[in-house]
Amino acid sequence: MISHRAEAIADAAIEILAERGMRGLTHRAVDEAAGLPQGSTSNHARTRAALLELTIARLADREAALFSGPLAAGPPETADDLAGLIAQVTYQAVTANRRGTIARYELALEATRRQELRKVYDELGRRFREPAVALLSTVGSADPVRHGHGLVAFAEGILFDAVVGAGAAPSLGDLHAAFAGFLRGCLP
């Protein structure tokens, strides 16, 4: 868990990434966006790499929180329940959390150029693949690792197309149908 100040810094960095891209992300810009005294960001994240790592960690926490609400009632029991859960989370990522999703894509591209960031990005990515594997196992997948990783890749493709690609934002119903179709191909 990070401090309130570090959270504010990371949240401001996420907004800057969504609005201005990687080039717009500076310690000074984060201070201004967060309404903090100049130098505050540097005190929490001395280097650009440290700022990017803090931002990735915060983004992962925010995205994990999208799952916690729907999972509060327990794991899905059927493939249709799972399709509904993934549709709901994906819909939030395309709508209410659109700027966070854009920032994540900025960070993903940067991670292809910075090995130290790649390690952090990949480690945090496991926080989503492992639960997907567990959920697919719960609903009866014969190969939950392959199907869980496939589900994450499928969801990422939908997200990318809807947020930064040429596609339009899908409705919740369209997403549910898409994930239900995917799961029909995976499950007995």
C-alpha atoms as a PDB file:
ATOM      1  CA  MET A   1       0.000   0.000   0.000  1.00  0.00           C
ATOM      2  CA  ILE A   2       1.329   3.434  -0.886  1.00  0.00           C
ATOM      3  CA  SER A   3       0.938   6.680   1.028  1.00  0.00           C
ATOM      4  CA  HIS A   4      -1.814   9.158   0.280  1.00  0.00           C
ATOM      5  CA  ARG A   5       0.740  11.571  -1.225  1.00  0.00           C
ATOM      6  CA  ALA A   6       2.266   8.856  -3.438  1.00  0.00           C
ATOM      7  CA  GLU A   7      -1.246   7.873  -4.526  1.00  0.00           C
ATOM      8  CA  ALA A   8      -2.009  11.489  -5.508  1.00  0.00           C
ATOM      9  CA  ILE A   9       1.258  11.656  -7.450  1.00  0.00           C
ATOM     10  CA  ALA A  10       0.546   8.412  -9.288  1.00  0.00           C
ATOM     11  CA  ASP A  11      -3.059   9.427 -10.036  1.00  0.00           C
ATOM     12  CA  ALA A  12      -1.826  12.739 -11.480  1.00  0.00           C
ATOM     13  CA  ALA A  13       0.751  10.854 -13.554  1.00  0.00           C
ATOM     14  CA  ILE A  14      -1.998   8.594 -14.924  1.00  0.00           C
ATOM     15  CA  GLU A  15      -4.035  11.628 -15.984  1.00  0.00           C
ATOM     16  CA  ILE A  16      -1.005  13.234 -17.626  1.00  0.00           C
ATOM     17  CA  LEU A  17      -0.199  10.042 -19.531  1.00  0.00           C
ATOM     18  CA  ALA A  18      -3.779   9.845 -20.794  1.00  0.00           C
ATOM     19  CA  GLU A  19      -3.869  13.512 -21.767  1.00  0.00           C
ATOM     20  CA  ARG A  20      -0.342  14.262 -23.006  1.00  0.00           C
ATOM     21  CA  GLY A  21       1.378  10.925 -23.469  1.00  0.00           C
ATOM     22  CA  MET A  22       4.791   9.827 -22.270  1.00  0.00           C
ATOM     23  CA  ARG A  23       6.513  13.030 -23.386  1.00  0.00           C
ATOM     24  CA  GLY A  24       4.240  15.128 -21.222  1.00  0.00           C
ATOM     25  CA  LEU A  25       5.061  13.175 -18.074  1.00  0.00           C
ATOM     26  CA  THR A  26       7.576  15.136 -16.014  1.00  0.00           C
ATOM     27  CA  HIS A  27       8.051  15.522 -12.279  1.00  0.00           C
ATOM     28  CA  ARG A  28       7.089  19.171 -12.544  1.00  0.00           C
ATOM     29  CA  ALA A  29       3.947  18.417 -14.565  1.00  0.00           C
ATOM     30  CA  VAL A  30       2.888  15.882 -11.940  1.00  0.00           C
ATOM     31  CA  ASP A  31       3.438  18.387  -9.122  1.00  0.00           C
ATOM     32  CA  GLU A  32       1.258  20.908 -10.955  1.00  0.00           C
ATOM     33  CA  ALA A  33      -1.475  18.414 -11.848  1.00  0.00           C
ATOM     34  CA  ALA A  34      -1.603  17.055  -8.300  1.00  0.00           C
ATOM     35  CA  GLY A  35      -1.623  20.554  -6.795  1.00  0.00           C
ATOM     36  CA  LEU A  36       1.518  19.789  -4.805  1.00  0.00           C
ATOM     37  CA  PRO A  37       4.482  22.011  -3.998  1.00  0.00           C
ATOM     38  CA  GLN A  38       7.237  21.860  -6.568  1.00  0.00           C
ATOM     39  CA  GLY A  39       9.648  19.028  -5.799  1.00  0.00           C
ATOM     40  CA  SER A  40       7.049  16.795  -4.121  1.00  0.00           C
ATOM     41  CA  THR A  41       7.088  14.231  -6.925  1.00  0.00           C
ATOM     42  CA  SER A  42      10.893  14.134  -6.861  1.00  0.00           C
ATOM     43  CA  ASN A  43      10.785  13.439  -3.122  1.00  0.00           C
ATOM     44  CA  HIS A  44       8.618  10.344  -3.698  1.00  0.00           C
ATOM     45  CA  ALA A  45      10.082   9.185  -6.996  1.00  0.00           C
ATOM     46  CA  ARG A  46      13.568  10.546  -7.560  1.00  0.00           C
ATOM     47  CA  THR A  47      13.999   9.260 -11.109  1.00  0.00           C
ATOM     48  CA  ARG A  48      11.752   8.945 -14.117  1.00  0.00           C
ATOM     49  CA  ALA A  49      12.001   5.160 -13.781  1.00  0.00           C
ATOM     50  CA  ALA A  50      10.805   5.389 -10.170  1.00  0.00           C
ATOM     51  CA  LEU A  51       7.903   7.605 -11.236  1.00  0.00           C
ATOM     52  CA  LEU A  52       6.913   5.129 -13.949  1.00  0.00           C
ATOM     53  CA  GLU A  53       7.096   2.208 -11.508  1.00  0.00           C
ATOM     54  CA  LEU A  54       4.941   4.074  -8.987  1.00  0.00           C
ATOM     55  CA  THR A  55       2.438   4.864 -11.723  1.00  0.00           C
ATOM     56  CA  ILE A  56       2.268   1.261 -12.941  1.00  0.00           C
ATOM     57  CA  ALA A  57       1.750   0.002  -9.390  1.00  0.00           C
ATOM     58  CA  ARG A  58      -1.080   2.486  -8.825  1.00  0.00           C
ATOM     59  CA  LEU A  59      -2.696   1.632 -12.150  1.00  0.00           C
ATOM     60  CA  ALA A  60      -2.605  -2.061 -11.275  1.00  0.00           C
ATOM     61  CA  ASP A  61      -4.245  -1.308  -7.917  1.00  0.00           C
ATOM     62  CA  ARG A  62      -6.955   0.753  -9.597  1.00  0.00           C
ATOM     63  CA  GLU A  63      -7.619  -1.929 -12.200  1.00  0.00           C
ATOM     64  CA  ALA A  64      -7.688  -4.664  -9.551  1.00  0.00           C
ATOM     65  CA  ALA A  65     -10.324  -2.624  -7.717  1.00  0.00           C
ATOM     66  CA  LEU A  66     -12.543  -2.897 -10.802  1.00  0.00           C
ATOM     67  CA  PHE A  67     -12.661  -6.665 -10.182  1.00  0.00           C
ATOM     68  CA  SER A  68     -13.152  -6.518  -6.441  1.00  0.00           C
ATOM     69  CA  GLY A  69     -16.704  -5.177  -6.627  1.00  0.00           C
ATOM     70  CA  PRO A  70     -18.115  -7.854  -8.933  1.00  0.00           C
ATOM     71  CA  LEU A  71     -16.177 -10.594  -7.087  1.00  0.00           C
ATOM     72  CA  ALA A  72     -17.403  -9.482  -3.643  1.00  0.00           C
ATOM     73  CA  ALA A  73     -20.365 -11.843  -3.927  1.00  0.00           C
ATOM     74  CA  GLY A  74     -18.009 -14.749  -4.661  1.00  0.00           C
ATOM     75  CA  PRO A  75     -16.510 -16.256  -7.792  1.00  0.00           C
ATOM     76  CA  PRO A  76     -18.757 -16.882 -10.790  1.00  0.00           C
ATOM     77  CA  GLU A  77     -20.315 -20.328 -10.828  1.00  0.00           C
ATOM     78  CA  THR A  78     -21.178 -20.593 -14.520  1.00  0.00           C
ATOM     79  CA  ALA A  79     -19.624 -19.563 -17.804  1.00  0.00           C
ATOM     80  CA  ASP A  80     -22.419 -17.025 -18.282  1.00  0.00           C
ATOM     81  CA  ASP A  81     -21.698 -15.533 -14.854  1.00  0.00           C
ATOM     82  CA  LEU A  82     -18.016 -15.270 -15.810  1.00  0.00           C
ATOM     83  CA  ALA A  83     -18.913 -13.664 -19.151  1.00  0.00           C
ATOM     84  CA  GLY A  84     -21.009 -11.116 -17.274  1.00  0.00           C
ATOM     85  CA  LEU A  85     -18.201 -10.370 -14.822  1.00  0.00           C
ATOM     86  CA  ILE A  86     -15.566  -9.893 -17.522  1.00  0.00           C
ATOM     87  CA  ALA A  87     -18.012  -7.836 -19.598  1.00  0.00           C
ATOM     88  CA  GLN A  88     -18.725  -5.561 -16.638  1.00  0.00           C
ATOM     89  CA  VAL A  89     -15.022  -5.014 -15.876  1.00  0.00           C
ATOM     90  CA  THR A  90     -14.176  -4.455 -19.541  1.00  0.00           C
ATOM     91  CA  TYR A  91     -17.057  -2.013 -19.891  1.00  0.00           C
ATOM     92  CA  GLN A  92     -15.718  -0.017 -16.943  1.00  0.00           C
ATOM     93  CA  ALA A  93     -12.238  -0.003 -18.514  1.00  0.00           C
ATOM     94  CA  VAL A  94     -13.699   1.350 -21.768  1.00  0.00           C
ATOM     95  CA  THR A  95     -15.951   3.950 -20.153  1.00  0.00           C
ATOM     96  CA  ALA A  96     -15.375   5.166 -16.589  1.00  0.00           C
ATOM     97  CA  ASN A  97     -11.711   4.089 -16.502  1.00  0.00           C
ATOM     98  CA  ARG A  98     -10.933   4.975 -20.135  1.00  0.00           C
ATOM     99  CA  ARG A  99      -8.159   7.409 -19.178  1.00  0.00           C
ATOM    100  CA  GLY A 100      -6.529   4.779 -16.976  1.00  0.00           C
ATOM    101  CA  THR A 101      -6.654   2.311 -19.857  1.00  0.00           C
ATOM    102  CA  ILE A 102      -4.998   4.842 -22.178  1.00  0.00           C
ATOM    103  CA  ALA A 103      -2.295   5.477 -19.576  1.00  0.00           C
ATOM    104  CA  ARG A 104      -1.701   1.730 -19.279  1.00  0.00           C
ATOM    105  CA  TYR A 105      -1.119   1.494 -23.028  1.00  0.00           C
ATOM    106  CA  GLU A 106       1.368   4.367 -22.812  1.00  0.00           C
ATOM    107  CA  LEU A 107       3.198   2.505 -20.053  1.00  0.00           C
ATOM    108  CA  ALA A 108       3.077  -0.781 -21.974  1.00  0.00           C
ATOM    109  CA  LEU A 109       4.778   0.836 -24.947  1.00  0.00           C
ATOM    110  CA  GLU A 110       7.402   2.410 -22.709  1.00  0.00           C
ATOM    111  CA  ALA A 111       8.022  -0.979 -21.092  1.00  0.00           C
ATOM    112  CA  THR A 112       9.047  -2.325 -24.504  1.00  0.00           C
ATOM    113  CA  ARG A 113      11.950   0.159 -24.435  1.00  0.00           C
ATOM    114  CA  ARG A 114      12.984  -0.046 -20.760  1.00  0.00           C
ATOM    115  CA  GLN A 115      14.000  -3.443 -19.450  1.00  0.00           C
ATOM    116  CA  GLU A 116      13.653  -2.417 -15.793  1.00  0.00           C
ATOM    117  CA  LEU A 117      10.103  -1.219 -16.441  1.00  0.00           C
ATOM    118  CA  ARG A 118       9.286  -4.365 -18.416  1.00  0.00           C
ATOM    119  CA  LYS A 119      10.010  -6.475 -15.321  1.00  0.00           C
ATOM    120  CA  VAL A 120       7.655  -4.380 -13.191  1.00  0.00           C
ATOM    121  CA  TYR A 121       4.962  -4.321 -15.885  1.00  0.00           C
ATOM    122  CA  ASP A 122       5.144  -8.100 -16.412  1.00  0.00           C
ATOM    123  CA  GLU A 123       5.058  -8.842 -12.691  1.00  0.00           C
ATOM    124  CA  LEU A 124       1.974  -6.714 -12.204  1.00  0.00           C
ATOM    125  CA  GLY A 125       0.402  -8.313 -15.282  1.00  0.00           C
ATOM    126  CA  ARG A 126       0.551 -11.651 -13.495  1.00  0.00           C
ATOM    127  CA  ARG A 127      -1.911 -10.176 -10.996  1.00  0.00           C
ATOM    128  CA  PHE A 128      -4.521 -10.442 -13.766  1.00  0.00           C
ATOM    129  CA  ARG A 129      -3.492 -13.625 -15.537  1.00  0.00           C
ATOM    130  CA  GLU A 130      -3.430 -15.769 -12.409  1.00  0.00           C
ATOM    131  CA  PRO A 131      -6.994 -14.849 -11.353  1.00  0.00           C
ATOM    132  CA  ALA A 132      -8.173 -15.463 -14.931  1.00  0.00           C
ATOM    133  CA  VAL A 133      -6.694 -18.957 -14.744  1.00  0.00           C
ATOM    134  CA  ALA A 134      -8.406 -19.541 -11.389  1.00  0.00           C
ATOM    135  CA  LEU A 135     -11.750 -18.290 -12.713  1.00  0.00           C
ATOM    136  CA  LEU A 136     -11.565 -20.530 -15.779  1.00  0.00           C
ATOM    137  CA  SER A 137     -10.758 -23.463 -13.526  1.00  0.00           C
ATOM    138  CA  THR A 138     -13.794 -22.623 -11.376  1.00  0.00           C
ATOM    139  CA  VAL A 139     -16.161 -22.761 -14.351  1.00  0.00           C
ATOM    140  CA  GLY A 140     -14.793 -26.072 -15.650  1.00  0.00           C
ATOM    141  CA  SER A 141     -12.030 -25.381 -18.164  1.00  0.00           C
ATOM    142  CA  ALA A 142     -10.023 -28.468 -19.111  1.00  0.00           C
ATOM    143  CA  ASP A 143      -6.981 -26.234 -19.733  1.00  0.00           C
ATOM    144  CA  PRO A 144      -7.412 -23.219 -17.433  1.00  0.00           C
ATOM    145  CA  VAL A 145      -3.892 -21.846 -17.991  1.00  0.00           C
ATOM    146  CA  ARG A 146      -4.257 -21.666 -21.765  1.00  0.00           C
ATOM    147  CA  HIS A 147      -7.871 -20.516 -21.585  1.00  0.00           C
ATOM    148  CA  GLY A 148      -7.167 -17.951 -18.842  1.00  0.00           C
ATOM    149  CA  HIS A 149      -4.309 -16.427 -20.817  1.00  0.00           C
ATOM    150  CA  GLY A 150      -6.477 -16.491 -23.935  1.00  0.00           C
ATOM    151  CA  LEU A 151      -9.276 -14.716 -22.086  1.00  0.00           C
ATOM    152  CA  VAL A 152      -6.903 -11.948 -20.977  1.00  0.00           C
ATOM    153  CA  ALA A 153      -5.583 -11.580 -24.543  1.00  0.00           C
ATOM    154  CA  PHE A 154      -9.138 -11.497 -25.935  1.00  0.00           C
ATOM    155  CA  ALA A 155     -10.181  -8.838 -23.409  1.00  0.00           C
ATOM    156  CA  GLU A 156      -7.055  -6.799 -24.176  1.00  0.00           C
ATOM    157  CA  GLY A 157      -7.867  -6.901 -27.887  1.00  0.00           C
ATOM    158  CA  ILE A 158     -11.373  -5.627 -27.247  1.00  0.00           C
ATOM    159  CA  LEU A 159     -10.030  -2.904 -24.951  1.00  0.00           C
ATOM    160  CA  PHE A 160      -7.389  -1.774 -27.395  1.00  0.00           C
ATOM    161  CA  ASP A 161      -9.834  -1.619 -30.293  1.00  0.00           C
ATOM    162  CA  ALA A 162     -12.430   0.281 -28.269  1.00  0.00           C
ATOM    163  CA  VAL A 163     -10.074   2.747 -26.579  1.00  0.00           C
ATOM    164  CA  VAL A 164      -7.236   3.481 -29.008  1.00  0.00           C
ATOM    165  CA  GLY A 165      -8.147   1.507 -32.114  1.00  0.00           C
ATOM    166  CA  ALA A 166     -10.692   2.144 -34.803  1.00  0.00           C
ATOM    167  CA  GLY A 167     -13.591   0.505 -33.000  1.00  0.00           C
ATOM    168  CA  ALA A 168     -16.382   2.186 -31.117  1.00  0.00           C
ATOM    169  CA  ALA A 169     -17.001   1.570 -27.434  1.00  0.00           C
ATOM    170  CA  PRO A 170     -19.126  -1.591 -27.233  1.00  0.00           C
ATOM    171  CA  SER A 171     -22.230  -1.807 -25.098  1.00  0.00           C
ATOM    172  CA  LEU A 172     -22.327  -3.957 -21.986  1.00  0.00           C
ATOM    173  CA  GLY A 173     -24.595  -6.376 -23.839  1.00  0.00           C
ATOM    174  CA  ASP A 174     -22.201  -6.615 -26.792  1.00  0.00           C
ATOM    175  CA  LEU A 175     -19.337  -7.348 -24.411  1.00  0.00           C
ATOM    176  CA  HIS A 176     -21.334  -9.999 -22.591  1.00  0.00           C
ATOM    177  CA  ALA A 177     -22.150 -11.698 -25.892  1.00  0.00           C
ATOM    178  CA  ALA A 178     -18.508 -11.539 -27.021  1.00  0.00           C
ATOM    179  CA  PHE A 179     -17.180 -13.078 -23.805  1.00  0.00           C
ATOM    180  CA  ALA A 180     -19.955 -15.693 -23.721  1.00  0.00           C
ATOM    181  CA  GLY A 181     -18.971 -16.712 -27.269  1.00  0.00           C
ATOM    182  CA  PHE A 182     -15.306 -16.892 -26.312  1.00  0.00           C
ATOM    183  CA  LEU A 183     -16.082 -19.046 -23.292  1.00  0.00           C
ATOM    184  CA  ARG A 184     -18.307 -21.377 -25.328  1.00  0.00           C
ATOM    185  CA  GLY A 185     -15.225 -22.169 -27.392  1.00  0.00           C
ATOM    186  CA  CYS A 186     -13.188 -22.973 -24.253  1.00  0.00           C
ATOM    187  CA  LEU A 187     -15.565 -24.834 -22.021  1.00  0.00           C
ATOM    188  CA  PRO A 188     -17.323 -28.183 -22.288  1.00  0.00           C
END
